Structures are given as structure tokens and as C-alpha cells.
Amino acid sequence: MKTEKSELPVVGVDVGGTKIAAGVVDAVGRITGQVKIPTDARNATTILDSIEQAVRASLEAAGLNSSQIKGIGLGIPGVVDPVAGVGMESANLGWHNVPVQALLEERLEVTCYIENDVGAGALGESLYGAGRGFESMVYLSLGTGVAARAIIKGNLYRGTHGVAGEIGHISMGAGDRACRCGGKDCLEAWASGPAIAAQAQEAVQAGKGSLLIELVGTAQEITAETVFEAASKGDRVAFDIVTLAGRNLAQAVFILAALYDTQAVVLGGGLVQGRDELVKAIRAGMEYQLKQSPLFGPVLEGMPVRVSELKNGGPVLGAAAIFNSRTKR
């Protein structure tokens, strides 16, 4: 019996600066043939070689060929033009204005669509994860960086320049902390993984007594995970750092919810997977924010703030959702 084109699976590809994950995703979000390979990031051509290798390896692992899939969706870090299929700027990949879609379609002889990796995360949660059933939602990605994207009436909202939701580099006015973007007091400088680790390192180096140093040995070895572990064991220094990050992220959630007026917010990324210290701090911060706003508080009070349900398969599912979101129209 012939399979309808609409029923065929999609290959989702999560492109990173150090590794590429790919998998074959069916209509209900089941992943087969999932593979991870190192990214050869010497130049644009070697990165495209790595992507092609990952796609072919995934198809082989799933026992399929390119004629048995609808197409390929790729989540790519940095600024992309999804309409033209161009990777415009990516610090992680070191490329500028690379026609990713055209080059991969020529190599693989199948339709490809690209999207920013945070946009991919939003689409994945909307289609397969904690955002299912909501016509509108905001996805806030928390990891090495902090960024958000909104789904409005079932579609990814990109804004005029493709940066709608880039809240990570909005100043929170929390002090005088430098951000890697060159600005001051950006949300990312206070609440990203590296920022949480840096604050803990500074506290230990300043002589503050803490369980942190006992967990790892030296200040330089402290990571965000170390901070969450210490906070869970009652360490005051770690608890205060996590609480501050949670308050800043709660303010970001409040701003995003007020701006987009969505039905839900979904928290994703490495900082909220496996530990709930930061999630608790964000929810506590949200309760405070809501009480301070007689205008928005009553409106947003019942809005659910959920944690991603996609776990380790999220990036691949999000990438597959890119393709499915483009072809549903």
C-alpha cells in the first residue's frame, strides 16, 4: 500500500557548534534513527558536510532513504532568514550569509527548511510538548544563553527583523554586570548558565563560606549545576544566587506574557532539565510580580508556566516541527 506524502516522516536536525543531532520523526513525534556526530566547524563547507553526514546516518539507522521522507527541518543557532533559507550570522558556527537551504537541497535532493534554534524549540513544544493544545504560547529557553519565541495563532512570530523575543539582552537594571554582548545588566548576564556559575565563583573567591567549594574543589570548576546542587542542600550563597536568577527570569516571563498575552509560557533548555531549584525560584518570583501589578496580575494569574516535556529529544523534535509548520499552510 502506497504511503501518502503527508504521512511520511521528517528528519529533524539540531545544528550546534560542537555537535549535530539528527533523527527521523513521525507524525506523532516518535523519533527513530537518532544520531549525534561532532561538528567539523572549520568553515561553512565542513559544517554542511557534517549536517549531510548526520542526515544520511539518521536515515540509515532508521532503515530509510531520502525518498521515504517528506523533508528536513534544521534548527540553527544565530540569526537566520527562514524564508530565503540563509544562515545570516552565527557566532557558534562562524558563518555569515550562508545559503544553507539551497546548498543542502542540492546535496540531499530533498526539501529543507531552516529556523533559529529557539524558534525550533517553540515550534517543538507547540506541536509535541508542553504547549500542545494552546493556540498561543511563549517559549523561554534557558541555557548558555537566554532567549524566547512566541507562537501566535499556531504560527511562530518572528517580528520585523526576526528577533522578536530576544529578551536575553534586555537590561534588567539589577546592578552593573557586564554582558558578553557588550551591554550592561542584560538578563543573560544574570540568569544564564555561565552567569549563575560566574556569580558563584566570584562569591567563593570573595571568601564567602559555602558548600560550593566542597562540591568541586576550586572556584573555576563551579558550574550552574554545582550551584543548583548546593542550593538543594541548603547552601545560602547558592540559594541567593538561584533566587536572584529566578526573580530576573520571572520578570522576563511577566514581560513576555504581558506583551504577547499568550495562554501559556513553557520553560525549556538545559537549566530547567532534571533539577527544579530554578523553576521553583521562577514561580516564586512570578507570584511576587503578579501581586505587584493590579492591572496585569488578575489577567495573568491563571496563566500556566510549564516545563518542557521533550527532554533530550527536544532539539530534534523542534527541528522536525520547523518543516511541519511550513508545510501545514
Protein backbone atom coordinates (compact mmCIF):
# COMPACT_ATOMS: atom_id res chain seq x y z
CA MET A 1 0.00 0.00 0.00
CA LYS A 2 1.40 3.37 -1.03
CA THR A 3 2.12 5.84 1.79
CA GLU A 4 0.63 9.31 1.34
CA LYS A 5 3.21 12.12 1.22
CA SER A 6 1.58 13.80 4.23
CA GLU A 7 2.10 10.64 6.30
CA LEU A 8 5.82 10.39 5.64
CA PRO A 9 8.24 11.24 8.46
CA VAL A 10 10.58 14.22 8.64
CA VAL A 11 14.26 14.35 9.54
CA GLY A 12 14.91 16.88 12.31
CA VAL A 13 18.45 18.23 12.63
CA ASP A 14 19.74 20.27 15.56
CA VAL A 15 22.90 22.05 14.43
CA GLY A 16 25.37 23.09 17.13
CA GLY A 17 28.89 24.40 17.20
CA THR A 18 30.28 21.19 18.72
CA LYS A 19 27.76 18.50 17.75
CA ILE A 20 24.86 17.81 15.40
CA ALA A 21 21.87 15.67 16.40
CA ALA A 22 19.51 14.21 13.82
CA GLY A 23 16.56 11.85 13.93
CA VAL A 24 13.59 10.67 11.89
CA VAL A 25 10.32 11.96 13.39
CA ASP A 26 6.89 10.57 12.55
CA ALA A 27 3.55 12.38 12.65
CA VAL A 28 3.02 11.83 16.39
CA GLY A 29 6.53 12.79 17.46
CA ARG A 30 8.20 9.38 17.73
CA ILE A 31 11.93 9.50 16.98
CA THR A 32 13.84 6.70 15.27
CA GLY A 33 17.36 6.58 13.92
CA GLN A 34 18.62 9.28 16.27
CA VAL A 35 22.34 10.02 15.87
CA LYS A 36 24.84 12.55 17.17
CA ILE A 37 28.07 13.41 15.41
CA PRO A 38 30.78 16.03 16.07
CA THR A 39 30.53 19.27 14.09
CA ASP A 40 33.51 19.91 11.85
CA ALA A 41 33.34 23.68 12.34
CA ARG A 42 36.44 24.70 10.38
CA ASN A 43 34.33 26.52 7.77
CA ALA A 44 30.86 26.63 6.20
CA THR A 45 31.61 23.77 3.81
CA THR A 46 32.80 21.38 6.54
CA ILE A 47 29.74 22.24 8.66
CA LEU A 48 27.47 21.42 5.72
CA ASP A 49 29.44 18.18 5.28
CA SER A 50 28.70 17.35 8.93
CA ILE A 51 24.99 18.10 8.50
CA GLU A 52 24.81 15.91 5.40
CA GLN A 53 26.63 13.12 7.25
CA ALA A 54 24.20 13.35 10.18
CA VAL A 55 21.14 13.21 7.91
CA ARG A 56 22.42 10.23 5.96
CA ALA A 57 23.43 8.41 9.16
CA SER A 58 19.99 9.01 10.68
CA LEU A 59 18.21 7.69 7.60
CA GLU A 60 20.44 4.64 7.52
CA ALA A 61 19.83 3.96 11.23
CA ALA A 62 16.07 4.19 10.64
CA GLY A 63 16.25 1.92 7.58
CA LEU A 64 15.02 4.63 5.22
CA ASN A 65 16.20 6.59 2.20
CA SER A 66 15.52 10.19 1.16
CA SER A 67 12.54 9.21 -1.00
CA GLN A 68 10.78 7.94 2.12
CA ILE A 69 10.68 11.26 3.99
CA LYS A 70 8.78 14.49 3.44
CA GLY A 71 11.82 16.66 4.02
CA ILE A 72 14.28 18.05 6.53
CA GLY A 73 13.96 20.73 9.23
CA LEU A 74 17.08 22.32 10.69
CA GLY A 75 17.37 24.30 13.92
CA ILE A 76 20.39 26.62 13.65
CA PRO A 77 21.91 28.95 16.26
CA GLY A 78 22.14 32.64 15.44
CA VAL A 79 20.21 34.88 13.06
CA VAL A 80 18.55 33.16 10.11
CA ASP A 81 16.35 34.20 7.23
CA PRO A 82 13.91 31.26 7.14
CA VAL A 83 12.15 32.49 4.00
CA ALA A 84 15.34 32.71 1.94
CA GLY A 85 16.87 29.75 3.79
CA VAL A 86 20.00 31.69 4.71
CA GLY A 87 22.10 31.44 7.86
CA MET A 88 22.85 35.15 8.24
CA GLU A 89 25.04 35.29 11.37
CA SER A 90 26.12 32.60 13.81
CA ALA A 91 28.89 33.06 16.36
CA ASN A 92 28.69 29.35 17.24
CA LEU A 93 29.18 28.26 13.65
CA GLY A 94 31.34 31.16 12.48
CA TRP A 95 29.39 31.75 9.29
CA HIS A 96 27.91 34.77 7.54
CA ASN A 97 25.17 34.73 4.89
CA VAL A 98 25.39 31.01 4.11
CA PRO A 99 22.59 29.75 1.76
CA VAL A 100 22.02 26.68 3.90
CA GLN A 101 18.72 25.58 2.39
CA ALA A 102 19.82 25.73 -1.25
CA LEU A 103 23.15 24.03 -0.60
CA LEU A 104 21.63 21.17 1.40
CA GLU A 105 18.78 20.65 -1.05
CA GLU A 106 21.36 20.30 -3.81
CA ARG A 107 23.34 17.75 -1.77
CA LEU A 108 20.43 15.73 -0.37
CA GLU A 109 17.84 16.16 -3.14
CA VAL A 110 15.02 16.76 -0.67
CA THR A 111 13.20 19.89 0.57
CA CYS A 112 14.84 21.59 3.56
CA TYR A 113 13.64 24.39 5.85
CA ILE A 114 15.68 26.23 8.47
CA GLU A 115 14.84 28.23 11.59
CA ASN A 116 16.61 29.76 14.56
CA ASP A 117 17.13 27.07 17.22
CA VAL A 118 14.98 28.87 19.82
CA GLY A 119 12.20 29.21 17.26
CA ALA A 120 12.57 25.48 16.66
CA GLY A 121 12.18 24.88 20.39
CA ALA A 122 8.97 26.92 20.45
CA LEU A 123 7.54 25.02 17.49
CA GLY A 124 8.51 21.68 19.01
CA GLU A 125 6.80 22.45 22.32
CA SER A 126 3.73 23.73 20.50
CA LEU A 127 3.40 20.65 18.30
CA TYR A 128 4.73 17.85 20.51
CA GLY A 129 5.37 19.13 24.04
CA ALA A 130 4.10 21.21 26.94
CA GLY A 131 2.49 23.75 24.58
CA ARG A 132 0.12 21.26 22.96
CA GLY A 133 -3.45 22.44 22.93
CA PHE A 134 -2.60 26.14 23.18
CA GLU A 135 -3.19 28.38 20.20
CA SER A 136 -0.67 30.86 21.63
CA MET A 137 2.32 30.39 23.92
CA VAL A 138 5.75 31.78 24.75
CA TYR A 139 8.79 29.50 24.88
CA LEU A 140 11.66 30.72 27.08
CA SER A 141 14.95 28.90 26.51
CA LEU A 142 17.37 28.88 29.45
CA GLY A 143 20.90 27.61 28.97
CA THR A 144 24.19 29.09 27.82
CA GLY A 145 22.03 31.97 26.62
CA VAL A 146 18.53 33.24 27.35
CA ALA A 147 16.02 33.83 24.56
CA ALA A 148 12.33 33.46 23.83
CA ARG A 149 9.99 32.97 20.90
CA ALA A 150 6.20 33.23 20.72
CA ILE A 151 3.63 31.10 18.94
CA ILE A 152 0.64 33.25 17.93
CA LYS A 153 -2.45 31.57 16.49
CA GLY A 154 -0.42 28.45 15.89
CA ASN A 155 2.36 30.21 13.99
CA LEU A 156 5.86 31.24 15.02
CA TYR A 157 6.04 35.02 15.41
CA ARG A 158 9.42 36.31 14.23
CA GLY A 159 8.90 40.08 14.14
CA THR A 160 10.15 42.51 11.50
CA HIS A 161 13.83 41.59 11.82
CA GLY A 162 13.48 38.01 13.03
CA VAL A 163 14.44 38.81 16.63
CA ALA A 164 11.05 39.01 18.36
CA GLY A 165 11.51 37.52 21.82
CA GLU A 166 15.27 38.15 22.19
CA ILE A 167 14.78 39.16 25.79
CA GLY A 168 18.19 37.87 26.89
CA HIS A 169 19.80 41.18 26.02
CA ILE A 170 17.25 43.47 27.61
CA SER A 171 18.70 45.35 30.59
CA MET A 172 17.17 44.28 33.88
CA GLY A 173 18.63 47.23 35.82
CA ALA A 174 19.88 44.87 38.50
CA GLY A 175 23.36 46.34 39.02
CA ASP A 176 26.39 46.91 36.85
CA ARG A 177 27.15 43.48 35.46
CA ALA A 178 28.83 43.23 32.06
CA CYS A 179 27.29 41.01 29.40
CA ARG A 180 29.21 39.21 26.66
CA CYS A 181 27.23 41.24 24.11
CA GLY A 182 28.98 44.40 25.35
CA GLY A 183 25.97 45.72 27.24
CA LYS A 184 25.31 46.05 30.96
CA ASP A 185 22.85 44.19 33.17
CA CYS A 186 21.35 42.07 30.42
CA LEU A 187 19.09 39.28 31.62
CA GLU A 188 21.62 36.82 30.19
CA ALA A 189 24.36 38.36 32.34
CA TRP A 190 22.38 37.48 35.48
CA ALA A 191 20.40 34.35 34.71
CA SER A 192 22.14 32.22 32.04
CA GLY A 193 24.13 29.12 32.95
CA PRO A 194 27.53 30.82 32.66
CA ALA A 195 26.24 33.86 34.60
CA ILE A 196 24.98 31.72 37.50
CA ALA A 197 28.33 29.91 37.61
CA ALA A 198 30.29 33.18 37.43
CA GLN A 199 28.39 34.70 40.37
CA ALA A 200 29.11 31.62 42.45
CA GLN A 201 32.79 31.68 41.51
CA GLU A 202 33.01 35.35 42.48
CA ALA A 203 31.31 34.68 45.82
CA VAL A 204 33.76 31.89 46.68
CA GLN A 205 36.75 33.96 45.58
CA ALA A 206 35.49 36.81 47.78
CA GLY A 207 35.75 34.47 50.76
CA LYS A 208 32.09 33.72 51.34
CA GLY A 209 31.72 30.43 53.17
CA SER A 210 29.86 27.95 51.04
CA LEU A 211 29.32 24.30 50.26
CA LEU A 212 30.12 25.17 46.64
CA ILE A 213 33.86 24.80 47.01
CA GLU A 214 33.46 21.46 48.79
CA LEU A 215 31.49 20.03 45.88
CA VAL A 216 34.13 20.70 43.21
CA GLY A 217 37.46 21.69 44.76
CA THR A 218 38.24 25.01 43.06
CA ALA A 219 36.20 28.08 42.19
CA GLN A 220 36.95 27.68 38.47
CA GLU A 221 35.26 24.28 38.46
CA ILE A 222 31.91 25.63 39.69
CA THR A 223 29.12 25.32 37.12
CA ALA A 224 25.44 26.21 37.21
CA GLU A 225 24.74 22.56 38.04
CA THR A 226 27.05 22.89 41.06
CA VAL A 227 25.06 25.92 42.22
CA PHE A 228 21.73 24.08 41.90
CA GLU A 229 23.10 21.10 43.81
CA ALA A 230 24.42 23.31 46.62
CA ALA A 231 21.13 25.22 46.77
CA SER A 232 19.21 21.94 47.09
CA LYS A 233 21.39 21.08 50.10
CA GLY A 234 20.60 24.35 51.85
CA ASP A 235 23.70 26.37 50.95
CA ARG A 236 22.84 30.04 51.49
CA VAL A 237 25.22 31.51 48.91
CA ALA A 238 23.93 29.19 46.19
CA PHE A 239 20.31 29.71 47.26
CA ASP A 240 20.66 33.50 46.99
CA ILE A 241 22.18 33.25 43.51
CA VAL A 242 19.41 30.95 42.28
CA THR A 243 16.76 33.17 43.90
CA LEU A 244 18.12 36.26 42.13
CA ALA A 245 18.22 34.43 38.80
CA GLY A 246 14.64 33.26 39.38
CA ARG A 247 13.45 36.79 40.15
CA ASN A 248 15.03 38.17 36.98
CA LEU A 249 13.62 35.34 34.87
CA ALA A 250 10.19 35.79 36.49
CA GLN A 251 10.32 39.44 35.45
CA ALA A 252 11.14 38.29 31.92
CA VAL A 253 8.23 35.82 31.95
CA PHE A 254 5.93 38.56 33.20
CA ILE A 255 7.09 40.96 30.45
CA LEU A 256 6.71 38.32 27.72
CA ALA A 257 3.28 37.28 28.96
CA ALA A 258 2.10 40.89 29.14
CA LEU A 259 3.47 41.76 25.69
CA TYR A 260 2.20 38.70 23.82
CA ASP A 261 -0.85 37.95 26.02
CA THR A 262 -0.48 34.22 25.39
CA GLN A 263 -2.24 31.29 27.02
CA ALA A 264 0.89 29.70 28.48
CA VAL A 265 4.65 30.00 28.99
CA VAL A 266 6.92 26.99 28.51
CA LEU A 267 10.39 26.90 30.07
CA GLY A 268 12.99 24.89 28.18
CA GLY A 269 16.75 24.47 27.87
CA GLY A 270 19.43 22.81 29.92
CA LEU A 271 18.91 24.91 33.07
CA VAL A 272 15.44 23.50 33.74
CA GLN A 273 16.04 19.87 32.83
CA GLY A 274 16.46 17.44 35.71
CA ARG A 275 16.51 19.96 38.60
CA ASP A 276 13.69 22.12 39.89
CA GLU A 277 15.57 24.70 42.02
CA LEU A 278 15.47 27.34 39.29
CA VAL A 279 11.88 26.54 38.31
CA LYS A 280 10.79 26.98 41.94
CA ALA A 281 12.59 30.32 42.07
CA ILE A 282 10.94 31.48 38.83
CA ARG A 283 7.48 30.53 40.07
CA ALA A 284 8.09 32.28 43.40
CA GLY A 285 9.23 35.35 41.50
CA MET A 286 6.11 35.21 39.33
CA GLU A 287 3.88 35.19 42.40
CA TYR A 288 5.63 38.34 43.60
CA GLN A 289 5.35 40.02 40.16
CA LEU A 290 1.64 39.27 39.94
CA LYS A 291 0.96 40.76 43.37
CA GLN A 292 2.73 43.98 42.37
CA SER A 293 0.56 44.55 39.30
CA PRO A 294 -3.11 45.40 39.86
CA LEU A 295 -3.54 45.73 36.07
CA PHE A 296 -1.86 42.57 34.73
CA GLY A 297 -1.91 40.44 37.87
CA PRO A 298 -5.56 39.36 37.65
CA VAL A 299 -5.23 38.69 33.91
CA LEU A 300 -2.04 36.62 34.09
CA GLU A 301 -2.64 34.91 37.43
CA GLY A 302 -4.10 31.76 35.94
CA MET A 303 -1.63 31.50 33.08
CA PRO A 304 0.28 28.19 33.33
CA VAL A 305 4.08 28.25 33.41
CA ARG A 306 5.14 24.78 32.31
CA VAL A 307 8.46 23.00 31.96
CA SER A 308 9.40 21.37 28.66
CA GLU A 309 8.22 17.79 28.27
CA LEU A 310 10.55 16.96 25.38
CA LYS A 311 13.73 16.26 27.40
CA ASN A 312 16.71 15.05 25.35
CA GLY A 313 14.69 14.62 22.16
CA GLY A 314 13.53 18.23 22.19
CA PRO A 315 16.03 19.73 19.72
CA VAL A 316 15.36 17.05 17.10
CA LEU A 317 11.58 17.29 17.56
CA GLY A 318 11.79 21.07 17.35
CA ALA A 319 13.75 20.84 14.12
CA ALA A 320 11.18 18.44 12.65
CA ALA A 321 8.43 20.85 13.70
CA ILE A 322 10.07 23.53 11.54
CA PHE A 323 9.30 21.51 8.43
CA ASN A 324 5.79 20.56 9.54
CA SER A 325 4.93 24.17 10.44
CA ARG A 326 5.98 25.37 6.99
CA THR A 327 4.05 22.70 5.10
CA LYS A 328 0.79 22.92 7.07
CA ARG A 329 -0.11 26.22 5.40
